[in-house]
Amino acid sequence: IMSKENELENEIKEIFQIYIRTRHSYKSFLCLSEIDDISMFWRHLTFISQKDLFIEIDKLTSFSGNQKFRLTTLFNKLRSGGHFQKFNFSEKKLDNWNNELNKLSDYTQKISTLRDEKFGHTDRNKKEEHKTINIQSSKFKKLLDIIEDIIKTIYLDCLNKYIKEDINHFIPKINPKNEIEKAYSKLT
């Protein structure tokens, strides 16, 4: 039987990995979006990075009960009476994060809808045109910052550990123009 500490650490690490994939896809999408070449190859790579971005971030912010690692599920487990109640995590912090995420709920709901309609369930014949959202907006960046703060704080407060890996170490530090030119030169 796994200890609560190990269970929580494993859960936070899973959430952390989802977050890292989200950040990678975000950075890739921003890089690919700057390409002037509108060939099918580049459009396809841009679409894939956007698809992955929406799928990964929706795992963390969705209101659907189907997502095992959504943040609100972790919050409930940390609350008094929850699976991880023994850590006595601050209810005030959980409420503050919940409020911050609720302020962005219209935005995260649009992400979830796009994920479902445009990327996740393409077999459904939708007659309505897919709406889009600006993932370069300050709202998206704020959402990423909130998620990062949640991961770091819970890991430190509950397990008395820092995330061993610096989160920024996992985020690609790329110069989009250089990467595009390098990739493009290999194709031609």
C-alpha atoms as a PDB file:
ATOM      1  CA  ILE A   1       0.000   0.000   0.000  1.00  0.00           C
ATOM      2  CA  MET A   2       1.334   3.385  -1.019  1.00  0.00           C
ATOM      3  CA  SER A   3       1.669   6.123   1.612  1.00  0.00           C
ATOM      4  CA  LYS A   4      -0.364   9.318   1.245  1.00  0.00           C
ATOM      5  CA  GLU A   5       2.896  11.209   0.722  1.00  0.00           C
ATOM      6  CA  ASN A   6       3.819   8.981  -2.208  1.00  0.00           C
ATOM      7  CA  GLU A   7       0.295   9.143  -3.620  1.00  0.00           C
ATOM      8  CA  LEU A   8       0.269  12.939  -3.485  1.00  0.00           C
ATOM      9  CA  GLU A   9       3.774  13.210  -4.899  1.00  0.00           C
ATOM     10  CA  ASN A  10       2.853  10.908  -7.807  1.00  0.00           C
ATOM     11  CA  GLU A  11      -0.308  12.884  -8.495  1.00  0.00           C
ATOM     12  CA  ILE A  12       1.539  16.211  -8.452  1.00  0.00           C
ATOM     13  CA  LYS A  13       4.204  14.795 -10.750  1.00  0.00           C
ATOM     14  CA  GLU A  14       1.515  13.662 -13.214  1.00  0.00           C
ATOM     15  CA  ILE A  15      -0.016  17.149 -13.128  1.00  0.00           C
ATOM     16  CA  PHE A  16       3.463  18.620 -13.559  1.00  0.00           C
ATOM     17  CA  GLN A  17       4.069  16.470 -16.663  1.00  0.00           C
ATOM     18  CA  ILE A  18       0.753  17.573 -18.172  1.00  0.00           C
ATOM     19  CA  TYR A  19       1.712  21.176 -17.457  1.00  0.00           C
ATOM     20  CA  ILE A  20       5.134  20.721 -19.099  1.00  0.00           C
ATOM     21  CA  ARG A  21       3.512  19.217 -22.213  1.00  0.00           C
ATOM     22  CA  THR A  22       1.131  22.177 -22.246  1.00  0.00           C
ATOM     23  CA  ARG A  23       4.023  24.641 -22.120  1.00  0.00           C
ATOM     24  CA  HIS A  24       5.936  22.759 -24.838  1.00  0.00           C
ATOM     25  CA  SER A  25       2.907  22.779 -27.113  1.00  0.00           C
ATOM     26  CA  TYR A  26       2.275  26.448 -26.376  1.00  0.00           C
ATOM     27  CA  LYS A  27       5.849  27.385 -27.269  1.00  0.00           C
ATOM     28  CA  SER A  28       5.740  25.207 -30.386  1.00  0.00           C
ATOM     29  CA  PHE A  29       2.463  26.739 -31.511  1.00  0.00           C
ATOM     30  CA  LEU A  30       3.806  30.273 -31.055  1.00  0.00           C
ATOM     31  CA  CYS A  31       6.915  29.373 -33.035  1.00  0.00           C
ATOM     32  CA  LEU A  32       5.001  27.685 -35.851  1.00  0.00           C
ATOM     33  CA  SER A  33       2.437  30.498 -36.012  1.00  0.00           C
ATOM     34  CA  GLU A  34       5.171  32.869 -37.165  1.00  0.00           C
ATOM     35  CA  ILE A  35       5.881  30.912 -40.337  1.00  0.00           C
ATOM     36  CA  ASP A  36       4.923  32.746 -43.493  1.00  0.00           C
ATOM     37  CA  ASP A  37       4.966  29.558 -45.560  1.00  0.00           C
ATOM     38  CA  ILE A  38       1.383  28.336 -45.806  1.00  0.00           C
ATOM     39  CA  SER A  39       2.184  24.911 -47.180  1.00  0.00           C
ATOM     40  CA  MET A  40       0.220  21.949 -45.896  1.00  0.00           C
ATOM     41  CA  PHE A  41       3.251  20.707 -43.944  1.00  0.00           C
ATOM     42  CA  TRP A  42       3.566  23.839 -41.788  1.00  0.00           C
ATOM     43  CA  ARG A  43      -0.194  24.210 -41.364  1.00  0.00           C
ATOM     44  CA  HIS A  44      -0.357  20.600 -40.199  1.00  0.00           C
ATOM     45  CA  LEU A  45       2.429  21.055 -37.625  1.00  0.00           C
ATOM     46  CA  THR A  46       0.748  24.214 -36.361  1.00  0.00           C
ATOM     47  CA  PHE A  47      -2.561  22.366 -36.069  1.00  0.00           C
ATOM     48  CA  ILE A  48      -0.934  19.460 -34.177  1.00  0.00           C
ATOM     49  CA  SER A  49       0.754  21.761 -31.668  1.00  0.00           C
ATOM     50  CA  GLN A  50      -2.500  23.661 -31.129  1.00  0.00           C
ATOM     51  CA  LYS A  51      -4.439  20.406 -30.767  1.00  0.00           C
ATOM     52  CA  ASP A  52      -1.980  19.071 -28.192  1.00  0.00           C
ATOM     53  CA  LEU A  53      -2.063  22.382 -26.336  1.00  0.00           C
ATOM     54  CA  PHE A  54      -5.846  22.352 -26.010  1.00  0.00           C
ATOM     55  CA  ILE A  55      -6.012  18.684 -25.033  1.00  0.00           C
ATOM     56  CA  GLU A  56      -3.316  19.014 -22.357  1.00  0.00           C
ATOM     57  CA  ILE A  57      -4.534  22.222 -20.725  1.00  0.00           C
ATOM     58  CA  ASP A  58      -8.098  20.938 -20.737  1.00  0.00           C
ATOM     59  CA  LYS A  59      -6.949  17.965 -18.635  1.00  0.00           C
ATOM     60  CA  LEU A  60      -6.038  20.418 -15.872  1.00  0.00           C
ATOM     61  CA  THR A  61      -8.811  22.999 -16.143  1.00  0.00           C
ATOM     62  CA  SER A  62     -11.830  21.038 -17.344  1.00  0.00           C
ATOM     63  CA  PHE A  63     -15.026  20.938 -15.327  1.00  0.00           C
ATOM     64  CA  SER A  64     -15.638  17.437 -16.657  1.00  0.00           C
ATOM     65  CA  GLY A  65     -15.422  14.623 -14.147  1.00  0.00           C
ATOM     66  CA  ASN A  66     -13.698  12.537 -16.820  1.00  0.00           C
ATOM     67  CA  GLN A  67     -10.348  14.248 -16.296  1.00  0.00           C
ATOM     68  CA  LYS A  68      -8.426  12.428 -13.567  1.00  0.00           C
ATOM     69  CA  PHE A  69      -5.825  15.147 -12.999  1.00  0.00           C
ATOM     70  CA  ARG A  70      -7.945  18.282 -13.102  1.00  0.00           C
ATOM     71  CA  LEU A  71      -6.915  20.835 -10.529  1.00  0.00           C
ATOM     72  CA  THR A  72     -10.310  21.115  -8.850  1.00  0.00           C
ATOM     73  CA  THR A  73     -10.196  17.377  -8.116  1.00  0.00           C
ATOM     74  CA  LEU A  74      -6.836  17.827  -6.406  1.00  0.00           C
ATOM     75  CA  PHE A  75      -8.247  20.780  -4.443  1.00  0.00           C
ATOM     76  CA  ASN A  76     -11.113  18.612  -3.170  1.00  0.00           C
ATOM     77  CA  LYS A  77      -8.695  15.868  -2.157  1.00  0.00           C
ATOM     78  CA  LEU A  78      -6.645  18.401  -0.167  1.00  0.00           C
ATOM     79  CA  ARG A  79      -9.645  19.873   1.668  1.00  0.00           C
ATOM     80  CA  SER A  80     -10.812  18.808   5.092  1.00  0.00           C
ATOM     81  CA  GLY A  81     -12.513  15.433   4.646  1.00  0.00           C
ATOM     82  CA  GLY A  82     -10.643  14.798   1.387  1.00  0.00           C
ATOM     83  CA  HIS A  83      -8.282  11.968   0.510  1.00  0.00           C
ATOM     84  CA  PHE A  84      -5.220  14.106   1.325  1.00  0.00           C
ATOM     85  CA  GLN A  85      -6.682  15.939   4.335  1.00  0.00           C
ATOM     86  CA  LYS A  86      -3.785  14.800   6.540  1.00  0.00           C
ATOM     87  CA  PHE A  87      -1.587  17.465   4.929  1.00  0.00           C
ATOM     88  CA  ASN A  88      -3.744  20.237   6.449  1.00  0.00           C
ATOM     89  CA  PHE A  89      -3.370  22.307   3.324  1.00  0.00           C
ATOM     90  CA  SER A  90      -4.621  25.875   3.568  1.00  0.00           C
ATOM     91  CA  GLU A  91      -8.308  26.048   2.651  1.00  0.00           C
ATOM     92  CA  LYS A  92      -7.768  29.755   2.030  1.00  0.00           C
ATOM     93  CA  LYS A  93      -5.152  29.040  -0.666  1.00  0.00           C
ATOM     94  CA  LEU A  94      -7.448  26.493  -2.284  1.00  0.00           C
ATOM     95  CA  ASP A  95     -10.322  28.987  -2.232  1.00  0.00           C
ATOM     96  CA  ASN A  96      -8.104  31.720  -3.704  1.00  0.00           C
ATOM     97  CA  TRP A  97      -6.938  29.454  -6.536  1.00  0.00           C
ATOM     98  CA  ASN A  98     -10.472  28.279  -7.126  1.00  0.00           C
ATOM     99  CA  ASN A  99     -11.591  31.915  -7.358  1.00  0.00           C
ATOM    100  CA  GLU A 100      -8.758  32.734  -9.778  1.00  0.00           C
ATOM    101  CA  LEU A 101      -9.682  29.781 -11.961  1.00  0.00           C
ATOM    102  CA  ASN A 102     -13.385  30.690 -11.750  1.00  0.00           C
ATOM    103  CA  LYS A 103     -12.567  34.193 -13.019  1.00  0.00           C
ATOM    104  CA  LEU A 104     -11.153  32.492 -16.094  1.00  0.00           C
ATOM    105  CA  SER A 105     -13.974  29.924 -16.364  1.00  0.00           C
ATOM    106  CA  ASP A 106     -15.504  31.488 -19.502  1.00  0.00           C
ATOM    107  CA  TYR A 107     -12.086  31.266 -21.108  1.00  0.00           C
ATOM    108  CA  THR A 108     -11.366  27.699 -19.947  1.00  0.00           C
ATOM    109  CA  GLN A 109     -14.856  26.648 -21.036  1.00  0.00           C
ATOM    110  CA  LYS A 110     -14.073  27.940 -24.533  1.00  0.00           C
ATOM    111  CA  ILE A 111     -10.854  25.913 -24.465  1.00  0.00           C
ATOM    112  CA  SER A 112     -12.834  22.837 -23.435  1.00  0.00           C
ATOM    113  CA  THR A 113     -15.444  23.407 -26.136  1.00  0.00           C
ATOM    114  CA  LEU A 114     -12.783  23.848 -28.809  1.00  0.00           C
ATOM    115  CA  ARG A 115     -10.973  20.768 -27.544  1.00  0.00           C
ATOM    116  CA  ASP A 116     -14.172  18.734 -27.787  1.00  0.00           C
ATOM    117  CA  GLU A 117     -15.526  20.090 -31.061  1.00  0.00           C
ATOM    118  CA  LYS A 118     -12.414  20.839 -33.090  1.00  0.00           C
ATOM    119  CA  PHE A 119      -9.805  18.427 -31.762  1.00  0.00           C
ATOM    120  CA  GLY A 120     -11.351  15.676 -29.668  1.00  0.00           C
ATOM    121  CA  HIS A 121     -14.572  14.580 -31.284  1.00  0.00           C
ATOM    122  CA  THR A 122     -14.165  15.211 -34.967  1.00  0.00           C
ATOM    123  CA  ASP A 123     -16.463  12.300 -35.753  1.00  0.00           C
ATOM    124  CA  ARG A 124     -19.439  14.363 -34.663  1.00  0.00           C
ATOM    125  CA  ASN A 125     -20.925  16.286 -37.524  1.00  0.00           C
ATOM    126  CA  LYS A 126     -21.115  19.849 -36.282  1.00  0.00           C
ATOM    127  CA  LYS A 127     -22.763  22.323 -38.589  1.00  0.00           C
ATOM    128  CA  GLU A 128     -21.699  25.321 -36.607  1.00  0.00           C
ATOM    129  CA  GLU A 129     -18.370  26.954 -37.338  1.00  0.00           C
ATOM    130  CA  HIS A 130     -15.694  26.457 -34.691  1.00  0.00           C
ATOM    131  CA  LYS A 131     -15.015  29.508 -32.611  1.00  0.00           C
ATOM    132  CA  THR A 132     -11.439  30.385 -31.830  1.00  0.00           C
ATOM    133  CA  ILE A 133      -9.679  31.969 -28.905  1.00  0.00           C
ATOM    134  CA  ASN A 134      -6.485  33.916 -28.721  1.00  0.00           C
ATOM    135  CA  ILE A 135      -3.937  31.781 -26.904  1.00  0.00           C
ATOM    136  CA  GLN A 136      -1.456  34.630 -27.129  1.00  0.00           C
ATOM    137  CA  SER A 137      -3.659  36.680 -24.833  1.00  0.00           C
ATOM    138  CA  SER A 138      -2.827  37.721 -21.296  1.00  0.00           C
ATOM    139  CA  LYS A 139      -5.615  35.388 -20.081  1.00  0.00           C
ATOM    140  CA  PHE A 140      -3.822  32.337 -21.396  1.00  0.00           C
ATOM    141  CA  LYS A 141      -0.526  33.433 -19.880  1.00  0.00           C
ATOM    142  CA  LYS A 142      -2.277  34.121 -16.576  1.00  0.00           C
ATOM    143  CA  LEU A 143      -3.820  30.649 -16.650  1.00  0.00           C
ATOM    144  CA  LEU A 144      -0.372  29.082 -17.157  1.00  0.00           C
ATOM    145  CA  ASP A 145       1.040  31.153 -14.288  1.00  0.00           C
ATOM    146  CA  ILE A 146      -1.772  30.104 -11.931  1.00  0.00           C
ATOM    147  CA  ILE A 147      -1.235  26.426 -12.765  1.00  0.00           C
ATOM    148  CA  GLU A 148       2.503  26.713 -12.197  1.00  0.00           C
ATOM    149  CA  ASP A 149       1.943  28.428  -8.844  1.00  0.00           C
ATOM    150  CA  ILE A 150      -0.495  25.694  -7.774  1.00  0.00           C
ATOM    151  CA  ILE A 151       1.951  22.902  -8.612  1.00  0.00           C
ATOM    152  CA  LYS A 152       4.934  24.510  -6.915  1.00  0.00           C
ATOM    153  CA  THR A 153       3.027  25.574  -3.795  1.00  0.00           C
ATOM    154  CA  ILE A 154       1.281  22.271  -3.132  1.00  0.00           C
ATOM    155  CA  TYR A 155       4.486  20.343  -3.680  1.00  0.00           C
ATOM    156  CA  LEU A 156       6.397  22.565  -1.276  1.00  0.00           C
ATOM    157  CA  ASP A 157       3.683  23.017   1.376  1.00  0.00           C
ATOM    158  CA  CYS A 158       2.523  19.398   1.535  1.00  0.00           C
ATOM    159  CA  LEU A 159       5.707  17.491   0.895  1.00  0.00           C
ATOM    160  CA  ASN A 160       8.256  20.043   2.110  1.00  0.00           C
ATOM    161  CA  LYS A 161      10.044  19.676  -1.197  1.00  0.00           C
ATOM    162  CA  TYR A 162      10.806  21.920  -4.082  1.00  0.00           C
ATOM    163  CA  ILE A 163      10.099  20.515  -7.480  1.00  0.00           C
ATOM    164  CA  LYS A 164      13.526  19.072  -8.110  1.00  0.00           C
ATOM    165  CA  GLU A 165      13.520  20.086 -11.710  1.00  0.00           C
ATOM    166  CA  ASP A 166      13.330  23.766 -12.447  1.00  0.00           C
ATOM    167  CA  ILE A 167      10.128  24.168 -14.440  1.00  0.00           C
ATOM    168  CA  ASN A 168      11.836  26.582 -16.827  1.00  0.00           C
ATOM    169  CA  HIS A 169      14.428  23.910 -17.612  1.00  0.00           C
ATOM    170  CA  PHE A 170      11.677  21.940 -19.357  1.00  0.00           C
ATOM    171  CA  ILE A 171      10.255  24.839 -21.340  1.00  0.00           C
ATOM    172  CA  PRO A 172      11.933  25.109 -24.721  1.00  0.00           C
ATOM    173  CA  LYS A 173      14.067  28.217 -24.989  1.00  0.00           C
ATOM    174  CA  ILE A 174      13.795  28.691 -28.689  1.00  0.00           C
ATOM    175  CA  ASN A 175      14.202  31.594 -30.983  1.00  0.00           C
ATOM    176  CA  PRO A 176      11.256  30.970 -33.304  1.00  0.00           C
ATOM    177  CA  LYS A 177      12.850  32.569 -36.346  1.00  0.00           C
ATOM    178  CA  ASN A 178      16.087  30.565 -35.989  1.00  0.00           C
ATOM    179  CA  GLU A 179      14.212  27.311 -35.420  1.00  0.00           C
ATOM    180  CA  ILE A 180      11.944  27.914 -38.398  1.00  0.00           C
ATOM    181  CA  GLU A 181      14.868  28.762 -40.664  1.00  0.00           C
ATOM    182  CA  LYS A 182      16.783  25.695 -39.478  1.00  0.00           C
ATOM    183  CA  ALA A 183      13.805  23.368 -40.029  1.00  0.00           C
ATOM    184  CA  TYR A 184      12.938  24.959 -43.360  1.00  0.00           C
ATOM    185  CA  SER A 185      16.495  24.613 -44.673  1.00  0.00           C
ATOM    186  CA  LYS A 186      16.394  20.879 -43.916  1.00  0.00           C
ATOM    187  CA  LEU A 187      13.231  20.494 -45.986  1.00  0.00           C
ATOM    188  CA  THR A 188      14.517  22.244 -49.070  1.00  0.00           C
END
